[in-house]
Amino acid sequence: MATKFSVMKKFLGLLILTAGLTAGAQEFKGVAVYESVSTHKNAAARVSDKFDPAIQERMKEALSKPVERQYTLYFDKTISVFEEEQKLSMDSPNRRVSPGIVSGKTYRDLKNNFEIEEREIFGKEFLVTDTLKRREWKLENETKKIGSHTCYKATYTIKRSPSKIEGGQDKAIDLTGSPEEIIVTAWYAPEIPVNHGPGGYWGLPGLILSVSNDNMTLLCSTLTLNPKAGVEIKVPNRGEKVTKEEFRVIMAKKLEEMKGMRGTDIRRH
């Protein structure tokens, strides 16, 4: 049975919408909807034989199941907001979320070089701020059509570190000794004159319509440029403002507290 994602790809050309595209327009705005499918099949194949056979099978089964999600990107020339559509994600039977940790909107300001991400830990809201770090994209000569748009290929390499995993859509879950390098491939449309893209992917000379890595694919299913209803992009303002490093410390402490509480409950029983 075809998945919704595979059906969406077949009809992508019918879903790309444009309304009055003017490259030089000062009020240039748009809305892009992305469909995401992620699995960890490569990690599943590398599950360590040090585990009990029954545990190995459960791990492989869980990692091999596809997870489908939908996101929306609102943007103008220099500012964007990226958010997950909660209705789809909550209805997905294969959705995997760390208990008590929720990610919300990501606001990115390319002109002023900063981003703000909404995060929640066990009911407490945070606004995680950080300066933008440009990726070292390699522009390729290869092209392909996505909908009615001619897209160009770009790649960059994620170098894994035992102590750090890149954020956003770049997360490479290391359960079994994942590869030291992961190649990310993006397809961007120069005729859409913005440097935005889904998740943590941005900085190319055109809107990113598709991006994939070792275990994830994001593909634009609907694109509306200069919609008649307009696009309102607001700076997130709910939650305690912290830096990314401060948030990591807070999250680590909270997870340790939860582990301690679970350990106490087990000993009581």
C-alpha atoms as a PDB file:
ATOM      1  CA  MET A   1       0.000   0.000   0.000  1.00  0.00           C
ATOM      2  CA  ALA A   2       1.468   3.358  -1.013  1.00  0.00           C
ATOM      3  CA  THR A   3       2.253   5.727   1.831  1.00  0.00           C
ATOM      4  CA  LYS A   4       0.869   9.246   1.872  1.00  0.00           C
ATOM      5  CA  PHE A   5       4.404  10.515   1.278  1.00  0.00           C
ATOM      6  CA  SER A   6       4.860   8.454  -1.917  1.00  0.00           C
ATOM      7  CA  VAL A   7       1.464   9.593  -3.244  1.00  0.00           C
ATOM      8  CA  MET A   8       2.376  13.184  -2.419  1.00  0.00           C
ATOM      9  CA  LYS A   9       5.553  12.916  -4.485  1.00  0.00           C
ATOM     10  CA  LYS A  10       3.603  11.729  -7.547  1.00  0.00           C
ATOM     11  CA  PHE A  11       1.386  14.807  -7.493  1.00  0.00           C
ATOM     12  CA  LEU A  12       3.950  17.359  -6.369  1.00  0.00           C
ATOM     13  CA  GLY A  13       3.832  19.153  -9.718  1.00  0.00           C
ATOM     14  CA  LEU A  14       0.131  19.854  -9.210  1.00  0.00           C
ATOM     15  CA  LEU A  15       0.600  21.252  -5.728  1.00  0.00           C
ATOM     16  CA  ILE A  16       3.158  23.978  -6.379  1.00  0.00           C
ATOM     17  CA  LEU A  17       1.257  27.259  -6.357  1.00  0.00           C
ATOM     18  CA  THR A  18       2.505  30.739  -7.212  1.00  0.00           C
ATOM     19  CA  ALA A  19       0.782  34.079  -6.901  1.00  0.00           C
ATOM     20  CA  GLY A  20       2.398  37.131  -8.387  1.00  0.00           C
ATOM     21  CA  LEU A  21       6.091  36.199  -8.022  1.00  0.00           C
ATOM     22  CA  THR A  22       8.211  39.326  -8.373  1.00  0.00           C
ATOM     23  CA  ALA A  23      11.859  38.797  -7.550  1.00  0.00           C
ATOM     24  CA  GLY A  24      12.491  42.421  -6.693  1.00  0.00           C
ATOM     25  CA  ALA A  25       9.346  42.973  -4.639  1.00  0.00           C
ATOM     26  CA  GLN A  26      10.031  44.387  -1.185  1.00  0.00           C
ATOM     27  CA  GLU A  27       6.974  42.610   0.255  1.00  0.00           C
ATOM     28  CA  PHE A  28       7.938  39.222  -1.137  1.00  0.00           C
ATOM     29  CA  LYS A  29       6.534  36.517   1.159  1.00  0.00           C
ATOM     30  CA  GLY A  30       5.648  32.853   0.984  1.00  0.00           C
ATOM     31  CA  VAL A  31       4.368  29.708   2.689  1.00  0.00           C
ATOM     32  CA  ALA A  32       5.932  26.289   2.060  1.00  0.00           C
ATOM     33  CA  VAL A  33       4.586  22.998   3.396  1.00  0.00           C
ATOM     34  CA  TYR A  34       7.069  20.135   3.749  1.00  0.00           C
ATOM     35  CA  GLU A  35       6.423  16.415   4.173  1.00  0.00           C
ATOM     36  CA  SER A  36       9.032  14.467   6.112  1.00  0.00           C
ATOM     37  CA  VAL A  37       9.771  10.746   6.222  1.00  0.00           C
ATOM     38  CA  SER A  38      12.491   9.495   8.533  1.00  0.00           C
ATOM     39  CA  THR A  39      13.766   6.058   9.437  1.00  0.00           C
ATOM     40  CA  HIS A  40      16.926   4.715  10.987  1.00  0.00           C
ATOM     41  CA  LYS A  41      17.304   1.654   8.759  1.00  0.00           C
ATOM     42  CA  ASN A  42      21.061   2.108   8.526  1.00  0.00           C
ATOM     43  CA  ALA A  43      21.320   2.220  12.288  1.00  0.00           C
ATOM     44  CA  ALA A  44      19.012  -0.802  12.523  1.00  0.00           C
ATOM     45  CA  ALA A  45      21.426  -2.781  10.360  1.00  0.00           C
ATOM     46  CA  ARG A  46      24.247  -1.908  12.737  1.00  0.00           C
ATOM     47  CA  VAL A  47      22.569  -2.846  16.021  1.00  0.00           C
ATOM     48  CA  SER A  48      25.272  -4.327  18.193  1.00  0.00           C
ATOM     49  CA  ASP A  49      25.288  -8.089  18.801  1.00  0.00           C
ATOM     50  CA  LYS A  50      26.253  -7.298  22.397  1.00  0.00           C
ATOM     51  CA  PHE A  51      22.546  -6.902  23.140  1.00  0.00           C
ATOM     52  CA  ASP A  52      20.267  -9.805  23.994  1.00  0.00           C
ATOM     53  CA  PRO A  53      18.798 -11.240  20.717  1.00  0.00           C
ATOM     54  CA  ALA A  54      15.251 -10.304  21.730  1.00  0.00           C
ATOM     55  CA  ILE A  55      16.349  -6.720  22.467  1.00  0.00           C
ATOM     56  CA  GLN A  56      18.226  -6.616  19.153  1.00  0.00           C
ATOM     57  CA  GLU A  57      15.066  -7.528  17.251  1.00  0.00           C
ATOM     58  CA  ARG A  58      12.961  -4.928  19.076  1.00  0.00           C
ATOM     59  CA  MET A  59      15.549  -2.236  18.389  1.00  0.00           C
ATOM     60  CA  LYS A  60      15.782  -3.155  14.701  1.00  0.00           C
ATOM     61  CA  GLU A  61      11.996  -3.158  14.323  1.00  0.00           C
ATOM     62  CA  ALA A  62      11.614   0.246  16.007  1.00  0.00           C
ATOM     63  CA  LEU A  63      14.412   1.847  13.993  1.00  0.00           C
ATOM     64  CA  SER A  64      13.101   0.517  10.677  1.00  0.00           C
ATOM     65  CA  LYS A  65       9.599   1.978  10.987  1.00  0.00           C
ATOM     66  CA  PRO A  66       9.073   5.200   8.972  1.00  0.00           C
ATOM     67  CA  VAL A  67       7.932   8.317  10.822  1.00  0.00           C
ATOM     68  CA  GLU A  68       5.883  10.783   8.763  1.00  0.00           C
ATOM     69  CA  ARG A  69       5.553  14.435   9.751  1.00  0.00           C
ATOM     70  CA  GLN A  70       4.408  17.691   8.201  1.00  0.00           C
ATOM     71  CA  TYR A  71       5.932  21.147   8.658  1.00  0.00           C
ATOM     72  CA  THR A  72       5.181  24.687   7.498  1.00  0.00           C
ATOM     73  CA  LEU A  73       7.716  27.403   6.668  1.00  0.00           C
ATOM     74  CA  TYR A  74       6.538  31.031   6.622  1.00  0.00           C
ATOM     75  CA  PHE A  75       9.033  33.470   5.141  1.00  0.00           C
ATOM     76  CA  ASP A  76       9.799  36.862   3.684  1.00  0.00           C
ATOM     77  CA  LYS A  77      13.079  38.156   2.268  1.00  0.00           C
ATOM     78  CA  THR A  78      15.116  37.772   5.478  1.00  0.00           C
ATOM     79  CA  ILE A  79      12.901  36.260   8.213  1.00  0.00           C
ATOM     80  CA  SER A  80      11.287  32.824   8.559  1.00  0.00           C
ATOM     81  CA  VAL A  81       9.297  30.746  11.024  1.00  0.00           C
ATOM     82  CA  PHE A  82       9.350  26.946  10.805  1.00  0.00           C
ATOM     83  CA  GLU A  83       6.916  24.789  12.758  1.00  0.00           C
ATOM     84  CA  GLU A  84       5.598  21.246  12.874  1.00  0.00           C
ATOM     85  CA  GLU A  85       1.929  20.638  12.208  1.00  0.00           C
ATOM     86  CA  GLN A  86       0.907  19.113  15.522  1.00  0.00           C
ATOM     87  CA  LYS A  87      -2.312  17.456  14.333  1.00  0.00           C
ATOM     88  CA  LEU A  88      -0.479  15.222  11.859  1.00  0.00           C
ATOM     89  CA  SER A  89       2.380  14.457  14.213  1.00  0.00           C
ATOM     90  CA  MET A  90       0.141  13.551  17.150  1.00  0.00           C
ATOM     91  CA  ASP A  91      -1.997  11.259  14.989  1.00  0.00           C
ATOM     92  CA  SER A  92       1.042   9.416  13.619  1.00  0.00           C
ATOM     93  CA  PRO A  93       1.255   5.941  15.211  1.00  0.00           C
ATOM     94  CA  ASN A  94       5.002   5.826  14.684  1.00  0.00           C
ATOM     95  CA  ARG A  95       5.830   9.211  16.213  1.00  0.00           C
ATOM     96  CA  ARG A  96       8.822   9.036  18.568  1.00  0.00           C
ATOM     97  CA  VAL A  97       9.259  11.894  21.060  1.00  0.00           C
ATOM     98  CA  SER A  98      11.448  12.193  24.142  1.00  0.00           C
ATOM     99  CA  PRO A  99       9.027  12.243  27.097  1.00  0.00           C
ATOM    100  CA  GLY A 100       8.478  15.717  28.499  1.00  0.00           C
ATOM    101  CA  ILE A 101      10.590  17.508  25.857  1.00  0.00           C
ATOM    102  CA  VAL A 102       8.721  19.451  23.158  1.00  0.00           C
ATOM    103  CA  SER A 103      10.033  21.598  20.300  1.00  0.00           C
ATOM    104  CA  GLY A 104       7.915  24.436  18.941  1.00  0.00           C
ATOM    105  CA  LYS A 105       8.494  27.133  16.342  1.00  0.00           C
ATOM    106  CA  THR A 106      11.920  28.199  15.123  1.00  0.00           C
ATOM    107  CA  TYR A 107      12.242  31.886  14.231  1.00  0.00           C
ATOM    108  CA  ARG A 108      15.261  32.809  12.080  1.00  0.00           C
ATOM    109  CA  ASP A 109      16.447  36.331  11.211  1.00  0.00           C
ATOM    110  CA  LEU A 110      19.109  36.187   8.502  1.00  0.00           C
ATOM    111  CA  LYS A 111      19.635  39.948   8.389  1.00  0.00           C
ATOM    112  CA  ASN A 112      20.439  40.233  12.099  1.00  0.00           C
ATOM    113  CA  ASN A 113      22.063  36.775  12.317  1.00  0.00           C
ATOM    114  CA  PHE A 114      20.102  35.109  15.115  1.00  0.00           C
ATOM    115  CA  GLU A 115      17.441  32.479  15.719  1.00  0.00           C
ATOM    116  CA  ILE A 116      14.974  31.730  18.517  1.00  0.00           C
ATOM    117  CA  GLU A 117      13.539  28.275  19.136  1.00  0.00           C
ATOM    118  CA  GLU A 118      10.563  27.488  21.335  1.00  0.00           C
ATOM    119  CA  ARG A 119      11.311  24.549  23.629  1.00  0.00           C
ATOM    120  CA  GLU A 120       9.439  23.048  26.551  1.00  0.00           C
ATOM    121  CA  ILE A 121      10.742  20.728  29.266  1.00  0.00           C
ATOM    122  CA  PHE A 122       8.095  19.061  31.450  1.00  0.00           C
ATOM    123  CA  GLY A 123       5.735  22.028  31.180  1.00  0.00           C
ATOM    124  CA  LYS A 124       8.308  24.845  31.525  1.00  0.00           C
ATOM    125  CA  GLU A 125       8.672  27.011  28.409  1.00  0.00           C
ATOM    126  CA  PHE A 126      11.954  28.389  27.088  1.00  0.00           C
ATOM    127  CA  LEU A 127      13.055  30.647  24.253  1.00  0.00           C
ATOM    128  CA  VAL A 128      16.424  29.272  23.150  1.00  0.00           C
ATOM    129  CA  THR A 129      18.465  31.959  21.384  1.00  0.00           C
ATOM    130  CA  ASP A 130      21.577  31.487  19.300  1.00  0.00           C
ATOM    131  CA  THR A 131      23.630  33.232  16.632  1.00  0.00           C
ATOM    132  CA  LEU A 132      23.395  31.719  13.158  1.00  0.00           C
ATOM    133  CA  LYS A 133      26.204  29.461  12.039  1.00  0.00           C
ATOM    134  CA  ARG A 134      26.489  29.199   8.261  1.00  0.00           C
ATOM    135  CA  ARG A 135      27.038  25.764   6.795  1.00  0.00           C
ATOM    136  CA  GLU A 136      29.776  25.106   4.276  1.00  0.00           C
ATOM    137  CA  TRP A 137      27.556  24.140   1.365  1.00  0.00           C
ATOM    138  CA  LYS A 138      29.178  22.806  -1.777  1.00  0.00           C
ATOM    139  CA  LEU A 139      27.264  23.955  -4.869  1.00  0.00           C
ATOM    140  CA  GLU A 140      26.988  21.258  -7.546  1.00  0.00           C
ATOM    141  CA  ASN A 141      26.244  21.533 -11.295  1.00  0.00           C
ATOM    142  CA  GLU A 142      23.430  18.949 -11.202  1.00  0.00           C
ATOM    143  CA  THR A 143      19.817  20.112 -11.651  1.00  0.00           C
ATOM    144  CA  LYS A 144      16.337  18.590 -11.496  1.00  0.00           C
ATOM    145  CA  LYS A 145      12.727  19.727 -11.566  1.00  0.00           C
ATOM    146  CA  ILE A 146      10.642  19.893  -8.392  1.00  0.00           C
ATOM    147  CA  GLY A 147       7.164  20.864  -9.453  1.00  0.00           C
ATOM    148  CA  SER A 148       7.587  23.688 -11.971  1.00  0.00           C
ATOM    149  CA  HIS A 149      10.886  24.878 -10.471  1.00  0.00           C
ATOM    150  CA  THR A 150      14.378  24.073 -11.712  1.00  0.00           C
ATOM    151  CA  CYS A 151      16.423  23.183  -8.652  1.00  0.00           C
ATOM    152  CA  TYR A 152      20.176  22.970  -8.173  1.00  0.00           C
ATOM    153  CA  LYS A 153      21.993  20.479  -5.998  1.00  0.00           C
ATOM    154  CA  ALA A 154      24.082  21.415  -2.954  1.00  0.00           C
ATOM    155  CA  THR A 155      25.768  19.196  -0.378  1.00  0.00           C
ATOM    156  CA  TYR A 156      27.626  19.447   2.876  1.00  0.00           C
ATOM    157  CA  THR A 157      29.157  16.962   5.285  1.00  0.00           C
ATOM    158  CA  ILE A 158      28.219  16.445   8.929  1.00  0.00           C
ATOM    159  CA  LYS A 159      31.249  15.274  10.877  1.00  0.00           C
ATOM    160  CA  ARG A 160      30.115  13.301  13.886  1.00  0.00           C
ATOM    161  CA  SER A 161      31.509  13.918  17.347  1.00  0.00           C
ATOM    162  CA  PRO A 162      31.056  11.619  20.381  1.00  0.00           C
ATOM    163  CA  SER A 163      30.257  14.633  22.549  1.00  0.00           C
ATOM    164  CA  LYS A 164      28.057  16.641  20.204  1.00  0.00           C
ATOM    165  CA  ILE A 165      25.198  15.957  17.831  1.00  0.00           C
ATOM    166  CA  GLU A 166      24.148  18.728  15.481  1.00  0.00           C
ATOM    167  CA  GLY A 167      20.721  20.158  16.191  1.00  0.00           C
ATOM    168  CA  GLY A 168      17.523  20.497  14.208  1.00  0.00           C
ATOM    169  CA  GLN A 169      16.928  18.048  11.332  1.00  0.00           C
ATOM    170  CA  ASP A 170      20.664  17.031  11.388  1.00  0.00           C
ATOM    171  CA  LYS A 171      20.352  14.748  14.388  1.00  0.00           C
ATOM    172  CA  ALA A 172      22.179  11.475  13.751  1.00  0.00           C
ATOM    173  CA  ILE A 173      21.214   9.002  16.444  1.00  0.00           C
ATOM    174  CA  ASP A 174      24.248   6.955  17.436  1.00  0.00           C
ATOM    175  CA  LEU A 175      22.975   3.696  18.931  1.00  0.00           C
ATOM    176  CA  THR A 176      25.284   1.332  17.128  1.00  0.00           C
ATOM    177  CA  GLY A 177      28.326   3.128  15.773  1.00  0.00           C
ATOM    178  CA  SER A 178      26.913   5.315  13.002  1.00  0.00           C
ATOM    179  CA  PRO A 179      29.189   6.543  10.195  1.00  0.00           C
ATOM    180  CA  GLU A 180      31.667   9.271  11.112  1.00  0.00           C
ATOM    181  CA  GLU A 181      30.422  11.414   8.231  1.00  0.00           C
ATOM    182  CA  ILE A 182      26.940  11.972   6.827  1.00  0.00           C
ATOM    183  CA  ILE A 183      26.334  13.688   3.491  1.00  0.00           C
ATOM    184  CA  VAL A 184      23.374  16.087   3.396  1.00  0.00           C
ATOM    185  CA  THR A 185      21.901  16.777  -0.052  1.00  0.00           C
ATOM    186  CA  ALA A 186      19.669  19.785  -0.739  1.00  0.00           C
ATOM    187  CA  TRP A 187      17.876  21.015  -3.850  1.00  0.00           C
ATOM    188  CA  TYR A 188      17.254  24.773  -4.028  1.00  0.00           C
ATOM    189  CA  ALA A 189      15.374  26.986  -6.491  1.00  0.00           C
ATOM    190  CA  PRO A 190      17.279  30.177  -7.456  1.00  0.00           C
ATOM    191  CA  GLU A 191      14.120  31.622  -9.022  1.00  0.00           C
ATOM    192  CA  ILE A 192      12.683  31.904  -5.478  1.00  0.00           C
ATOM    193  CA  PRO A 193      15.075  34.597  -4.202  1.00  0.00           C
ATOM    194  CA  VAL A 194      15.377  33.794  -0.489  1.00  0.00           C
ATOM    195  CA  ASN A 195      18.014  31.949   1.550  1.00  0.00           C
ATOM    196  CA  HIS A 196      15.514  29.998   3.659  1.00  0.00           C
ATOM    197  CA  GLY A 197      14.760  26.306   3.995  1.00  0.00           C
ATOM    198  CA  PRO A 198      13.169  23.733   6.314  1.00  0.00           C
ATOM    199  CA  GLY A 199      14.500  23.002   9.783  1.00  0.00           C
ATOM    200  CA  GLY A 200      18.178  23.754  10.203  1.00  0.00           C
ATOM    201  CA  TYR A 201      18.789  23.956   6.457  1.00  0.00           C
ATOM    202  CA  TRP A 202      19.242  27.432   4.962  1.00  0.00           C
ATOM    203  CA  GLY A 203      21.900  29.673   3.431  1.00  0.00           C
ATOM    204  CA  LEU A 204      21.631  28.671  -0.237  1.00  0.00           C
ATOM    205  CA  PRO A 205      20.968  31.110  -3.145  1.00  0.00           C
ATOM    206  CA  GLY A 206      17.319  30.101  -3.433  1.00  0.00           C
ATOM    207  CA  LEU A 207      14.582  28.446  -1.371  1.00  0.00           C
ATOM    208  CA  ILE A 208      15.410  24.830  -0.425  1.00  0.00           C
ATOM    209  CA  LEU A 209      12.590  22.613  -1.726  1.00  0.00           C
ATOM    210  CA  SER A 210      14.081  19.231  -0.814  1.00  0.00           C
ATOM    211  CA  VAL A 211      16.735  17.966   1.583  1.00  0.00           C
ATOM    212  CA  SER A 212      17.841  14.511   2.678  1.00  0.00           C
ATOM    213  CA  ASN A 213      20.496  12.857   4.799  1.00  0.00           C
ATOM    214  CA  ASP A 214      21.337   9.398   6.104  1.00  0.00           C
ATOM    215  CA  ASN A 215      17.890   8.722   7.554  1.00  0.00           C
ATOM    216  CA  MET A 216      15.531  11.574   6.622  1.00  0.00           C
ATOM    217  CA  THR A 217      13.905  13.189   3.591  1.00  0.00           C
ATOM    218  CA  LEU A 218      12.084  16.540   3.579  1.00  0.00           C
ATOM    219  CA  LEU A 219      10.173  17.501   0.437  1.00  0.00           C
ATOM    220  CA  CYS A 220       8.097  20.602  -0.297  1.00  0.00           C
ATOM    221  CA  SER A 221       4.547  19.543  -1.180  1.00  0.00           C
ATOM    222  CA  THR A 222       2.863  22.954  -1.414  1.00  0.00           C
ATOM    223  CA  LEU A 223       4.428  26.349  -2.112  1.00  0.00           C
ATOM    224  CA  THR A 224       2.444  29.591  -2.202  1.00  0.00           C
ATOM    225  CA  LEU A 225       4.256  32.814  -3.061  1.00  0.00           C
ATOM    226  CA  ASN A 226       2.812  36.216  -2.176  1.00  0.00           C
ATOM    227  CA  PRO A 227      -0.520  34.769  -0.984  1.00  0.00           C
ATOM    228  CA  LYS A 228      -3.501  37.120  -1.079  1.00  0.00           C
ATOM    229  CA  ALA A 229      -4.183  36.491   2.598  1.00  0.00           C
ATOM    230  CA  GLY A 230      -0.671  37.662   3.453  1.00  0.00           C
ATOM    231  CA  VAL A 231       1.893  36.099   5.786  1.00  0.00           C
ATOM    232  CA  GLU A 232       2.350  37.259   9.384  1.00  0.00           C
ATOM    233  CA  ILE A 233       5.690  36.345  10.957  1.00  0.00           C
ATOM    234  CA  LYS A 234       5.929  37.037  14.691  1.00  0.00           C
ATOM    235  CA  VAL A 235       8.889  36.802  17.052  1.00  0.00           C
ATOM    236  CA  PRO A 236       8.238  34.115  19.728  1.00  0.00           C
ATOM    237  CA  ASN A 237       7.713  35.715  23.145  1.00  0.00           C
ATOM    238  CA  ARG A 238       6.506  32.962  25.493  1.00  0.00           C
ATOM    239  CA  GLY A 239       9.066  31.424  27.821  1.00  0.00           C
ATOM    240  CA  GLU A 240      12.302  32.114  29.651  1.00  0.00           C
ATOM    241  CA  LYS A 241      15.093  33.392  27.413  1.00  0.00           C
ATOM    242  CA  VAL A 242      18.227  31.231  27.549  1.00  0.00           C
ATOM    243  CA  THR A 243      21.201  30.538  25.320  1.00  0.00           C
ATOM    244  CA  LYS A 244      21.571  27.180  23.581  1.00  0.00           C
ATOM    245  CA  GLU A 245      24.333  26.148  25.984  1.00  0.00           C
ATOM    246  CA  GLU A 246      22.242  27.163  29.023  1.00  0.00           C
ATOM    247  CA  PHE A 247      19.341  25.127  27.668  1.00  0.00           C
ATOM    248  CA  ARG A 248      21.555  22.042  27.238  1.00  0.00           C
ATOM    249  CA  VAL A 249      22.591  22.300  30.900  1.00  0.00           C
ATOM    250  CA  ILE A 250      18.978  22.751  32.052  1.00  0.00           C
ATOM    251  CA  MET A 251      17.817  19.780  29.963  1.00  0.00           C
ATOM    252  CA  ALA A 252      20.634  17.521  31.203  1.00  0.00           C
ATOM    253  CA  LYS A 253      19.843  18.351  34.843  1.00  0.00           C
ATOM    254  CA  LYS A 254      16.135  17.732  34.353  1.00  0.00           C
ATOM    255  CA  LEU A 255      16.719  14.366  32.687  1.00  0.00           C
ATOM    256  CA  GLU A 256      19.031  13.341  35.524  1.00  0.00           C
ATOM    257  CA  GLU A 257      16.331  14.324  38.012  1.00  0.00           C
ATOM    258  CA  MET A 258      13.794  12.187  36.154  1.00  0.00           C
ATOM    259  CA  LYS A 259      16.166   9.213  36.089  1.00  0.00           C
ATOM    260  CA  GLY A 260      16.652   9.580  39.829  1.00  0.00           C
ATOM    261  CA  MET A 261      12.897   9.689  40.422  1.00  0.00           C
ATOM    262  CA  ARG A 262      12.370   6.537  38.338  1.00  0.00           C
ATOM    263  CA  GLY A 263      15.140   4.785  40.220  1.00  0.00           C
ATOM    264  CA  THR A 264      13.498   5.697  43.537  1.00  0.00           C
ATOM    265  CA  ASP A 265      10.122   4.376  42.345  1.00  0.00           C
ATOM    266  CA  ILE A 266      11.679   1.066  41.262  1.00  0.00           C
ATOM    267  CA  ARG A 267      13.423   0.614  44.619  1.00  0.00           C
ATOM    268  CA  ARG A 268      10.157   1.313  46.449  1.00  0.00           C
ATOM    269  CA  HIS A 269       8.475  -1.513  44.555  1.00  0.00           C
END
